[in-house]
Amino acid sequence: MSQTNILLESGTNELEIVEFYIDEPEGAKAGADHYEGYYGVNVAKVLEIIRLPKVTVLPSVSHPSILGTFNLRSHVIPLVDLSLWLGKRRVEREPPKVIVTEFNKVTTAFLVSGVNRIHRMSWEKVESPSGYVATFSSNTITGVVKIDDRIIFLLDLEKIVTELNPQLGLRLDKDVDYTTGRRWRAIIADDSALIRDMLRDLLEKANFDVEVTTNGKECWDRLNAIKTAAERDGRPLTDYLQVVISDIEMPAMDGHHLTKRIKEDSALRVLPVILFSSLITDKLRHKGETVGADDQISKPEVGQLAMRAKRLIEDKLGGA
């Protein structure tokens, strides 16, 4: 099953998810011999879905969920048993499926029991996980979707891959000195507390005052409050804020839709918008360009964020 049906439009605040499941022996209803746990991942991160290939076992691995590697069109890809990572015991009632993903310029495959279908929906239907659910899942769930009679958990595959291979994690460029020059103000929209804290730390070291929001809707509401304050005080909007930095995948409102609304607003459109996401690839970069993003930075390039933000402010706002 190749990746098809990717959204052609940008900024509609919609996403497509691949729904898959893991068969478990625990929690089965009366009369049933298994329980299906339902999960989802953004279609934009899925290269293809295949049958279980021949796997070469690695001599030593960092986690028992890493089953080994396999060759797919001359690419050696690691295979992760998602049930083992989640601490579950998988019942094999039928041949399993393998979901091959690509994000942050890394290709990884995940073994699951099966794949149901692709759902298209609004980000408004994606709920943030409760504190209990987030803690119970070790913060590997980024969203909760209710469809028909079941609940689908959107998994943070980036967190899983980074914990399996810490070398792939985001690292700041400690050799860059950003401390000279004037101070700027930035607002960040990201649903990951880890990423929010990292970006705040990076930008504050680079002479930015930083405000953080947890999704595009919260950021949009805050931008409108800032716009109202500027109009009330009779001052330029850029006296209060100089740059917006947003993730793409977020509950309630995604980064593409947030960018589109900013650029369609007669007052807010002056603000430079940087999209910072694992979804920024050569194949998907056009989506950010369509909605008017001023720059797009993939997560492995986090060290460039502050420098490119400053350059944008100086180019677009003339030093504001």
Protein backbone atom coordinates (compact mmCIF):
# COMPACT_ATOMS: atom_id res chain seq x y z
CA MET A 1 0.00 0.00 0.00
CA SER A 2 1.72 3.16 -1.18
CA GLN A 3 1.06 6.61 0.21
CA THR A 4 -1.87 8.04 -1.71
CA ASN A 5 -4.70 10.42 -0.89
CA ILE A 6 -2.43 13.09 0.63
CA LEU A 7 -4.31 16.35 1.08
CA LEU A 8 -3.81 18.55 -1.97
CA GLU A 9 -4.92 21.76 -0.26
CA SER A 10 -3.02 23.61 2.43
CA GLY A 11 -4.33 25.62 5.35
CA THR A 12 -7.70 23.84 5.61
CA ASN A 13 -6.97 22.77 9.21
CA GLU A 14 -7.47 19.15 8.15
CA LEU A 15 -5.28 16.10 8.40
CA GLU A 16 -5.34 12.51 7.28
CA ILE A 17 -4.38 9.73 9.64
CA VAL A 18 -3.61 6.08 9.00
CA GLU A 19 -5.56 4.05 11.55
CA PHE A 20 -3.86 0.83 12.66
CA TYR A 21 -4.32 -1.57 15.53
CA ILE A 22 -2.50 -3.92 17.87
CA ASP A 23 -4.18 -7.16 18.94
CA GLU A 24 -3.76 -7.77 22.65
CA PRO A 25 -4.86 -10.70 24.83
CA GLU A 26 -5.62 -8.45 27.79
CA GLY A 27 -8.85 -6.50 28.14
CA ALA A 28 -10.88 -8.66 25.76
CA LYS A 29 -14.62 -8.29 26.01
CA ALA A 30 -16.73 -11.24 27.14
CA GLY A 31 -16.69 -13.94 24.49
CA ALA A 32 -13.69 -12.42 22.67
CA ASP A 33 -10.17 -13.84 22.66
CA HIS A 34 -8.39 -10.56 22.05
CA TYR A 35 -8.63 -6.80 22.31
CA GLU A 36 -7.82 -4.33 19.53
CA GLY A 37 -6.07 -1.14 20.57
CA TYR A 38 -6.46 1.57 17.93
CA TYR A 39 -3.73 4.05 17.03
CA GLY A 40 -3.02 6.58 14.33
CA VAL A 41 -0.23 8.43 12.57
CA ASN A 42 -0.29 11.37 10.18
CA VAL A 43 -0.38 10.17 6.55
CA ALA A 44 2.28 12.77 5.73
CA LYS A 45 4.78 10.71 7.74
CA VAL A 46 3.96 7.39 6.04
CA LEU A 47 5.95 6.27 3.01
CA GLU A 48 4.15 2.97 2.54
CA ILE A 49 2.59 -0.01 4.28
CA ILE A 50 4.02 -3.45 3.50
CA ARG A 51 3.95 -7.07 4.63
CA LEU A 52 6.56 -8.21 7.11
CA PRO A 53 9.83 -8.59 5.16
CA LYS A 54 12.82 -10.77 5.98
CA VAL A 55 14.50 -9.18 9.00
CA THR A 56 18.19 -9.31 9.85
CA VAL A 57 18.72 -9.43 13.61
CA LEU A 58 21.27 -6.95 14.96
CA PRO A 59 24.04 -8.27 17.27
CA SER A 60 23.15 -5.80 20.04
CA VAL A 61 20.27 -3.36 20.41
CA SER A 62 19.38 -0.61 22.87
CA HIS A 63 15.80 -1.78 23.36
CA PRO A 64 14.06 -5.17 22.88
CA SER A 65 11.48 -3.54 20.59
CA ILE A 66 14.15 -3.14 17.88
CA LEU A 67 13.72 -6.37 15.91
CA GLY A 68 16.51 -5.71 13.42
CA THR A 69 16.74 -4.25 9.93
CA PHE A 70 15.46 -5.06 6.46
CA ASN A 71 16.28 -3.99 2.92
CA LEU A 72 13.69 -2.00 0.99
CA ARG A 73 14.77 -0.89 -2.47
CA SER A 74 18.43 -0.68 -1.45
CA HIS A 75 17.64 1.15 1.81
CA VAL A 76 18.43 -0.51 5.13
CA ILE A 77 15.58 0.31 7.51
CA PRO A 78 15.29 -0.48 11.24
CA LEU A 79 12.13 -2.29 12.34
CA VAL A 80 10.49 -1.48 15.68
CA ASP A 81 7.84 -3.74 17.23
CA LEU A 82 5.40 -1.08 18.41
CA SER A 83 3.66 -3.42 20.84
CA LEU A 84 6.91 -4.12 22.68
CA TRP A 85 7.69 -0.41 22.85
CA LEU A 86 4.25 0.26 24.33
CA GLY A 87 4.74 -2.54 26.85
CA LYS A 88 2.00 -4.71 25.35
CA ARG A 89 1.86 -8.36 24.32
CA ARG A 90 0.73 -8.78 20.74
CA VAL A 91 -1.52 -11.68 19.68
CA GLU A 92 -0.77 -12.76 16.12
CA ARG A 93 -4.14 -13.67 14.61
CA GLU A 94 -3.08 -12.79 11.07
CA PRO A 95 0.11 -11.77 9.24
CA PRO A 96 1.25 -8.42 10.71
CA LYS A 97 1.81 -5.24 8.75
CA VAL A 98 4.78 -2.87 8.65
CA ILE A 99 4.30 0.91 8.47
CA VAL A 100 7.33 2.58 6.89
CA THR A 101 7.67 6.20 8.03
CA GLU A 102 9.88 9.17 7.24
CA PHE A 103 10.23 12.31 9.36
CA ASN A 104 13.14 14.43 10.57
CA LYS A 105 15.04 13.02 7.57
CA VAL A 106 15.02 9.55 9.15
CA THR A 107 13.28 6.41 7.84
CA THR A 108 11.94 3.94 10.41
CA ALA A 109 9.47 1.04 10.17
CA PHE A 110 6.96 -0.05 12.81
CA LEU A 111 5.45 -3.53 13.17
CA VAL A 112 1.70 -3.54 13.95
CA SER A 113 -1.09 -6.13 13.86
CA GLY A 114 -2.96 -4.54 10.98
CA VAL A 115 -4.12 -1.36 9.25
CA ASN A 116 -7.76 -0.34 8.98
CA ARG A 117 -8.14 2.74 6.82
CA ILE A 118 -7.26 6.40 6.28
CA HIS A 119 -9.43 9.03 7.97
CA ARG A 120 -9.67 12.65 6.89
CA MET A 121 -10.75 15.05 9.62
CA SER A 122 -10.42 18.52 11.07
CA TRP A 123 -7.76 19.20 13.68
CA GLU A 124 -10.63 20.55 15.76
CA LYS A 125 -11.70 16.93 16.32
CA VAL A 126 -8.30 16.01 17.72
CA GLU A 127 -8.31 16.42 21.49
CA SER A 128 -5.17 16.93 23.53
CA PRO A 129 -4.53 13.96 25.83
CA SER A 130 -5.49 14.49 29.45
CA GLY A 131 -2.73 14.69 32.02
CA TYR A 132 -3.60 11.19 33.15
CA VAL A 133 -3.47 9.73 29.64
CA ALA A 134 -0.21 11.55 28.85
CA THR A 135 1.44 10.28 32.03
CA PHE A 136 0.06 6.77 31.65
CA SER A 137 1.46 6.58 28.10
CA SER A 138 4.85 8.09 29.04
CA ASN A 139 3.91 11.13 26.92
CA THR A 140 3.87 9.10 23.69
CA ILE A 141 0.29 10.14 22.82
CA THR A 142 -0.10 13.53 21.14
CA GLY A 143 -3.82 13.45 20.41
CA VAL A 144 -7.07 11.55 20.95
CA VAL A 145 -9.69 11.04 18.23
CA LYS A 146 -13.16 9.56 18.76
CA ILE A 147 -14.51 7.79 15.66
CA ASP A 148 -17.74 5.79 15.75
CA ASP A 149 -17.50 3.42 18.72
CA ARG A 150 -13.75 3.58 19.30
CA ILE A 151 -10.97 5.86 20.44
CA ILE A 152 -7.84 6.30 18.35
CA PHE A 153 -4.62 7.44 20.00
CA LEU A 154 -2.25 9.48 17.84
CA LEU A 155 1.26 8.35 18.69
CA ASP A 156 4.34 10.54 18.98
CA LEU A 157 6.57 8.42 16.77
CA GLU A 158 9.26 11.12 16.88
CA LYS A 159 9.61 10.66 20.63
CA ILE A 160 9.84 6.89 20.22
CA VAL A 161 12.54 7.11 17.55
CA THR A 162 14.53 9.67 19.54
CA GLU A 163 14.45 7.58 22.70
CA LEU A 164 15.57 4.51 20.75
CA ASN A 165 18.40 6.52 19.19
CA PRO A 166 19.26 9.61 21.29
CA GLN A 167 21.74 10.78 18.63
CA LEU A 168 18.72 11.74 16.51
CA GLY A 169 17.41 14.13 19.16
CA LEU A 170 17.38 17.89 18.75
CA ARG A 171 20.62 19.54 19.72
CA LEU A 172 21.32 23.24 19.98
CA ASP A 173 24.35 24.80 18.31
CA LYS A 174 26.44 25.77 21.33
CA ASP A 175 29.17 27.31 19.17
CA VAL A 176 26.99 30.19 17.97
CA ASP A 177 27.04 33.45 19.93
CA TYR A 178 23.71 35.20 19.56
CA THR A 179 24.04 37.57 22.50
CA THR A 180 24.91 40.72 20.54
CA GLY A 181 22.38 43.08 18.97
CA ARG A 182 18.97 44.25 20.13
CA ARG A 183 16.34 42.15 21.85
CA TRP A 184 13.33 40.72 19.99
CA ARG A 185 9.97 39.24 20.94
CA ALA A 186 8.73 35.87 19.66
CA ILE A 187 5.67 33.71 20.19
CA ILE A 188 5.87 29.90 19.85
CA ALA A 189 3.04 27.46 19.10
CA ASP A 190 3.89 23.81 19.79
CA ASP A 191 1.96 21.03 21.50
CA SER A 192 5.10 19.34 22.83
CA ALA A 193 6.19 20.64 26.24
CA LEU A 194 9.71 19.34 25.54
CA ILE A 195 9.98 21.28 22.27
CA ARG A 196 8.45 24.43 23.80
CA ASP A 197 11.01 24.41 26.61
CA MET A 198 13.88 23.75 24.20
CA LEU A 199 12.87 26.53 21.82
CA ARG A 200 12.29 28.97 24.66
CA ASP A 201 15.77 28.19 26.02
CA LEU A 202 17.37 28.57 22.59
CA LEU A 203 15.65 31.85 21.77
CA GLU A 204 16.15 33.42 25.19
CA LYS A 205 19.87 32.76 24.85
CA ALA A 206 19.66 34.48 21.47
CA ASN A 207 18.26 37.74 22.90
CA PHE A 208 14.55 36.96 22.46
CA ASP A 209 11.72 37.46 24.92
CA VAL A 210 9.55 34.39 24.38
CA GLU A 211 5.88 33.61 24.92
CA VAL A 212 4.70 30.01 24.41
CA THR A 213 1.30 28.57 23.43
CA THR A 214 0.24 24.94 23.20
CA ASN A 215 -1.50 24.90 19.80
CA GLY A 216 -2.46 27.05 16.83
CA LYS A 217 -5.83 28.08 18.29
CA GLU A 218 -4.26 29.34 21.51
CA CYS A 219 -1.62 31.19 19.50
CA TRP A 220 -4.27 32.74 17.22
CA ASP A 221 -6.26 33.98 20.21
CA ARG A 222 -3.13 35.47 21.74
CA LEU A 223 -2.18 37.20 18.48
CA ASN A 224 -5.59 38.81 18.32
CA ALA A 225 -5.22 40.01 21.90
CA ILE A 226 -1.87 41.59 20.99
CA LYS A 227 -3.43 43.19 17.91
CA THR A 228 -6.21 44.66 20.05
CA ALA A 229 -3.68 46.05 22.52
CA ALA A 230 -1.70 47.68 19.70
CA GLU A 231 -4.85 49.29 18.25
CA ARG A 232 -5.91 50.50 21.70
CA ASP A 233 -2.52 52.06 22.37
CA GLY A 234 -2.18 53.48 18.87
CA ARG A 235 1.15 51.74 18.34
CA PRO A 236 2.48 49.46 15.58
CA LEU A 237 1.87 45.75 16.14
CA THR A 238 5.58 45.13 15.71
CA ASP A 239 6.28 47.07 18.91
CA TYR A 240 4.76 44.11 20.75
CA LEU A 241 5.91 41.12 18.67
CA GLN A 242 8.33 40.51 15.82
CA VAL A 243 8.10 36.80 14.84
CA VAL A 244 5.80 33.77 15.08
CA ILE A 245 7.31 30.26 15.26
CA SER A 246 4.88 27.37 14.85
CA ASP A 247 4.81 23.60 14.71
CA ILE A 248 2.53 22.09 12.04
CA GLU A 249 0.85 19.13 13.78
CA MET A 250 -1.25 20.46 16.68
CA PRO A 251 -4.71 19.78 18.09
CA ALA A 252 -7.48 22.36 17.53
CA MET A 253 -5.58 24.32 14.83
CA ASP A 254 -2.52 23.23 12.90
CA GLY A 255 0.40 25.41 11.87
CA HIS A 256 -0.59 25.66 8.21
CA HIS A 257 -4.05 26.98 9.08
CA LEU A 258 -2.57 29.35 11.68
CA THR A 259 -0.16 30.73 9.08
CA LYS A 260 -2.94 31.13 6.52
CA ARG A 261 -5.08 33.11 8.97
CA ILE A 262 -2.15 35.33 9.96
CA LYS A 263 -1.32 36.13 6.35
CA GLU A 264 -4.99 36.87 5.54
CA ASP A 265 -5.27 39.35 8.43
CA SER A 266 -4.58 42.94 7.38
CA ALA A 267 -2.76 43.74 10.64
CA LEU A 268 -1.08 40.43 11.55
CA ARG A 269 0.26 39.67 8.07
CA VAL A 270 3.27 41.93 8.71
CA LEU A 271 4.64 39.37 11.18
CA PRO A 272 7.19 36.88 9.84
CA VAL A 273 6.04 33.28 10.34
CA ILE A 274 8.47 30.37 10.64
CA LEU A 275 7.17 26.81 10.47
CA PHE A 276 9.31 24.44 12.53
CA SER A 277 8.32 20.80 12.08
CA SER A 278 9.37 17.26 11.26
CA LEU A 279 6.92 17.46 8.33
CA ILE A 280 9.06 19.95 6.42
CA THR A 281 10.56 17.86 3.66
CA ASP A 282 11.29 18.48 0.00
CA LYS A 283 7.99 16.77 -0.86
CA LEU A 284 5.86 18.75 1.61
CA ARG A 285 7.58 22.14 1.66
CA HIS A 286 5.12 23.48 -0.92
CA LYS A 287 2.32 23.30 1.65
CA GLY A 288 3.99 25.93 3.82
CA GLU A 289 4.77 28.08 0.79
CA THR A 290 1.12 27.96 -0.28
CA VAL A 291 -0.12 29.42 3.01
CA GLY A 292 2.53 32.16 3.03
CA ALA A 293 5.13 30.92 5.54
CA ASP A 294 8.19 33.19 5.44
CA ASP A 295 10.57 30.36 6.32
CA GLN A 296 10.41 26.63 7.05
CA ILE A 297 12.89 24.77 9.23
CA SER A 298 12.98 21.03 9.82
CA LYS A 299 13.61 19.89 13.39
CA PRO A 300 17.14 18.58 12.74
CA GLU A 301 18.04 22.18 11.75
CA VAL A 302 17.05 23.66 15.14
CA GLY A 303 20.49 25.27 15.50
CA GLN A 304 19.61 27.63 12.63
CA LEU A 305 16.32 28.80 14.09
CA ALA A 306 17.42 31.87 16.04
CA MET A 307 19.75 33.11 13.31
CA ARG A 308 17.11 32.76 10.60
CA ALA A 309 14.47 34.37 12.81
CA LYS A 310 16.69 37.42 13.33
CA ARG A 311 17.43 37.64 9.63
CA LEU A 312 13.73 37.53 8.79
CA ILE A 313 12.93 40.30 11.28
CA GLU A 314 15.65 42.51 9.86
CA ASP A 315 14.63 41.82 6.24
CA LYS A 316 10.86 42.13 6.67
CA LEU A 317 10.57 44.66 9.45
CA GLY A 318 13.71 46.67 8.82
CA GLY A 319 14.94 46.03 12.36
CA ALA A 320 11.48 46.86 13.75
